[in-house]
C-alpha atoms as a PDB file:
ATOM      1  CA  MET A   1      -8.286  -6.256  -0.830  1.00  0.00           C
ATOM      2  CA  VAL A   2      -9.926  -8.713  -3.206  1.00  0.00           C
ATOM      3  CA  LYS A   3     -10.381  -7.856  -6.802  1.00  0.00           C
ATOM      4  CA  ARG A   4     -13.374  -9.545  -8.773  1.00  0.00           C
ATOM      5  CA  ASP A   5     -10.614 -12.033 -10.529  1.00  0.00           C
ATOM      6  CA  GLY A   6     -10.120 -13.351  -6.958  1.00  0.00           C
ATOM      7  CA  ALA A   7      -6.461 -11.955  -6.664  1.00  0.00           C
ATOM      8  CA  ILE A   8      -5.793 -10.878  -3.069  1.00  0.00           C
ATOM      9  CA  TYR A   9      -3.827  -7.316  -2.912  1.00  0.00           C
ATOM     10  CA  PHE A  10      -1.948  -6.836   0.484  1.00  0.00           C
ATOM     11  CA  THR A  11       0.400  -4.966   2.395  1.00  0.00           C
ATOM     12  CA  ASP A  12       3.437  -6.330   4.484  1.00  0.00           C
ATOM     13  CA  THR A  13       3.349  -3.582   7.092  1.00  0.00           C
ATOM     14  CA  TYR A  14       5.140  -4.595  10.200  1.00  0.00           C
ATOM     15  CA  GLY A  15       5.371  -3.386  13.827  1.00  0.00           C
ATOM     16  CA  ALA A  16       4.517  -0.148  15.473  1.00  0.00           C
ATOM     17  CA  LEU A  17       4.871   2.817  13.342  1.00  0.00           C
ATOM     18  CA  ARG A  18       7.603   4.707  15.234  1.00  0.00           C
ATOM     19  CA  LEU A  19       9.639   1.157  15.469  1.00  0.00           C
ATOM     20  CA  ARG A  20       9.241  -0.633  11.959  1.00  0.00           C
ATOM     21  CA  ASP A  21      12.559   0.226  10.521  1.00  0.00           C
ATOM     22  CA  LYS A  22      14.527  -0.658  13.307  1.00  0.00           C
ATOM     23  CA  ASP A  23      12.882  -3.562  14.432  1.00  0.00           C
ATOM     24  CA  PRO A  24      14.944  -6.989  14.539  1.00  0.00           C
ATOM     25  CA  LYS A  25      12.674  -9.195  13.549  1.00  0.00           C
ATOM     26  CA  LYS A  26      11.771  -7.482  10.460  1.00  0.00           C
ATOM     27  CA  GLU A  27      12.724  -9.522   7.542  1.00  0.00           C
ATOM     28  CA  LEU A  28      12.591  -7.049   4.346  1.00  0.00           C
ATOM     29  CA  ASP A  29      14.352  -3.682   4.448  1.00  0.00           C
ATOM     30  CA  PHE A  30      11.484  -2.101   2.676  1.00  0.00           C
ATOM     31  CA  ASN A  31       7.596  -2.242   2.823  1.00  0.00           C
ATOM     32  CA  ALA A  32       5.091  -3.007  -0.161  1.00  0.00           C
ATOM     33  CA  VAL A  33       2.339  -4.394  -1.696  1.00  0.00           C
ATOM     34  CA  TYR A  34       2.145  -7.874  -3.171  1.00  0.00           C
ATOM     35  CA  ARG A  35      -0.417  -9.956  -5.035  1.00  0.00           C
ATOM     36  CA  TRP A  36      -1.724 -13.565  -4.482  1.00  0.00           C
ATOM     37  CA  LYS A  37      -3.298 -15.164  -7.597  1.00  0.00           C
ATOM     38  CA  ASP A  38      -3.480 -18.966  -8.487  1.00  0.00           C
ATOM     39  CA  GLY A  39      -0.732 -19.811  -5.984  1.00  0.00           C
ATOM     40  CA  LYS A  40       1.650 -17.238  -7.126  1.00  0.00           C
ATOM     41  CA  LEU A  41       2.797 -14.213  -5.103  1.00  0.00           C
ATOM     42  CA  THR A  42       4.143 -11.095  -6.790  1.00  0.00           C
ATOM     43  CA  LEU A  43       5.198  -7.951  -5.574  1.00  0.00           C
ATOM     44  CA  VAL A  44       3.608  -4.926  -7.281  1.00  0.00           C
ATOM     45  CA  VAL A  45       4.514  -1.996  -5.342  1.00  0.00           C
ATOM     46  CA  LYS A  46       7.984  -1.370  -3.622  1.00  0.00           C
ATOM     47  CA  ASP A  47       8.554   2.506  -4.150  1.00  0.00           C
ATOM     48  CA  MET A  48       6.469   3.581  -1.100  1.00  0.00           C
ATOM     49  CA  PRO A  49       7.770   3.201   2.794  1.00  0.00           C
ATOM     50  CA  ASN A  50       5.228   2.343   4.865  1.00  0.00           C
ATOM     51  CA  THR A  51       2.216   1.085   3.032  1.00  0.00           C
ATOM     52  CA  ASN A  52      -0.940   0.532   4.990  1.00  0.00           C
ATOM     53  CA  GLY A  53      -4.409   0.291   3.125  1.00  0.00           C
ATOM     54  CA  LEU A  54      -5.599  -0.082  -0.231  1.00  0.00           C
ATOM     55  CA  ALA A  55      -8.492   0.644  -2.092  1.00  0.00           C
ATOM     56  CA  PHE A  56     -10.052  -0.443  -5.829  1.00  0.00           C
ATOM     57  CA  SER A  57     -11.911   2.453  -7.836  1.00  0.00           C
ATOM     58  CA  PRO A  58     -15.193   0.829  -8.618  1.00  0.00           C
ATOM     59  CA  ASP A  59     -13.973  -0.233 -11.904  1.00  0.00           C
ATOM     60  CA  GLU A  60     -10.922  -1.868 -10.338  1.00  0.00           C
ATOM     61  CA  LYS A  61      -8.748   0.395 -12.914  1.00  0.00           C
ATOM     62  CA  TYR A  62      -6.735   1.805 -10.036  1.00  0.00           C
ATOM     63  CA  LEU A  63      -5.544   0.717  -6.790  1.00  0.00           C
ATOM     64  CA  TYR A  64      -5.194   3.444  -4.286  1.00  0.00           C
ATOM     65  CA  VAL A  65      -2.284   2.712  -1.696  1.00  0.00           C
ATOM     66  CA  ASN A  66      -2.009   4.673   1.536  1.00  0.00           C
ATOM     67  CA  GLY A  67       1.726   5.951   2.541  1.00  0.00           C
ATOM     68  CA  SER A  68       0.469   5.962   6.197  1.00  0.00           C
ATOM     69  CA  ARG A  69       3.538   7.598   8.268  1.00  0.00           C
ATOM     70  CA  ASP A  70       3.563  10.215   5.669  1.00  0.00           C
ATOM     71  CA  ASN A  71       0.149  10.770   5.156  1.00  0.00           C
ATOM     72  CA  TYR A  72      -0.298  10.445   1.340  1.00  0.00           C
ATOM     73  CA  VAL A  73      -2.177   8.213  -1.274  1.00  0.00           C
ATOM     74  CA  ASN A  74      -0.472   7.052  -4.215  1.00  0.00           C
ATOM     75  CA  ARG A  75      -2.770   5.725  -7.241  1.00  0.00           C
ATOM     76  CA  TYR A  76      -1.480   2.935  -9.418  1.00  0.00           C
ATOM     77  CA  GLU A  77      -3.209   1.703 -12.869  1.00  0.00           C
ATOM     78  CA  VAL A  78      -4.240  -2.150 -12.841  1.00  0.00           C
ATOM     79  CA  GLN A  79      -2.695  -3.704 -15.830  1.00  0.00           C
ATOM     80  CA  ALA A  80      -4.411  -6.465 -17.440  1.00  0.00           C
ATOM     81  CA  ASP A  81      -2.308  -8.982 -15.883  1.00  0.00           C
ATOM     82  CA  GLY A  82      -2.817  -7.988 -12.053  1.00  0.00           C
ATOM     83  CA  THR A  83       0.704  -5.752 -12.141  1.00  0.00           C
ATOM     84  CA  LEU A  84       0.389  -1.930 -11.443  1.00  0.00           C
ATOM     85  CA  ALA A  85       1.748   0.917 -13.491  1.00  0.00           C
ATOM     86  CA  ASN A  86       2.280   4.681 -13.525  1.00  0.00           C
ATOM     87  CA  GLY A  87       2.162   5.117  -9.753  1.00  0.00           C
ATOM     88  CA  LYS A  88       1.014   9.249  -8.998  1.00  0.00           C
ATOM     89  CA  LEU A  89       0.638  11.271  -5.881  1.00  0.00           C
ATOM     90  CA  PHE A  90      -3.158  11.025  -5.232  1.00  0.00           C
ATOM     91  CA  ILE A  91      -3.615  12.800  -2.185  1.00  0.00           C
ATOM     92  CA  ASP A  92      -0.904  14.684  -0.467  1.00  0.00           C
ATOM     93  CA  MET A  93      -1.712  15.315   3.208  1.00  0.00           C
ATOM     94  CA  ARG A  94       1.966  15.689   4.007  1.00  0.00           C
ATOM     95  CA  GLY A  95       2.845  18.266   7.088  1.00  0.00           C
ATOM     96  CA  ARG A  96      -0.629  17.770   8.531  1.00  0.00           C
ATOM     97  CA  ALA A  97      -1.617  15.865  11.878  1.00  0.00           C
ATOM     98  CA  SER A  98      -3.092  12.749  11.719  1.00  0.00           C
ATOM     99  CA  PRO A  99      -7.252  12.997  12.567  1.00  0.00           C
ATOM    100  CA  ALA A 100      -6.314  10.610  15.247  1.00  0.00           C
ATOM    101  CA  LEU A 101      -3.630  12.670  16.720  1.00  0.00           C
ATOM    102  CA  ARG A 102      -6.016  15.884  16.679  1.00  0.00           C
ATOM    103  CA  MET A 103      -8.650  13.986  18.833  1.00  0.00           C
ATOM    104  CA  GLY A 104      -8.715  13.749  22.603  1.00  0.00           C
END
């Protein structure tokens, strides 16, 4: 996800959903959201397992992060320096089957 100022926000989701936590190739013991700007990498979200999917609000004041395995979305305030603050649950679909799982 690229912000208007050129900063790139991305997740480090690794491996198949069910196998991620046990994969010996996984180098970190957490999933996260990072920001790349002006040659500098910054960890901006570490409090969510299985981050996968990002979206900015139209005014870029909020970043929405999908907790894909557990079916929820958190909303974070984007600070002037590009860091994130005040993460809050925005959508809670836990306990519901994924639409992909219901198809077929």
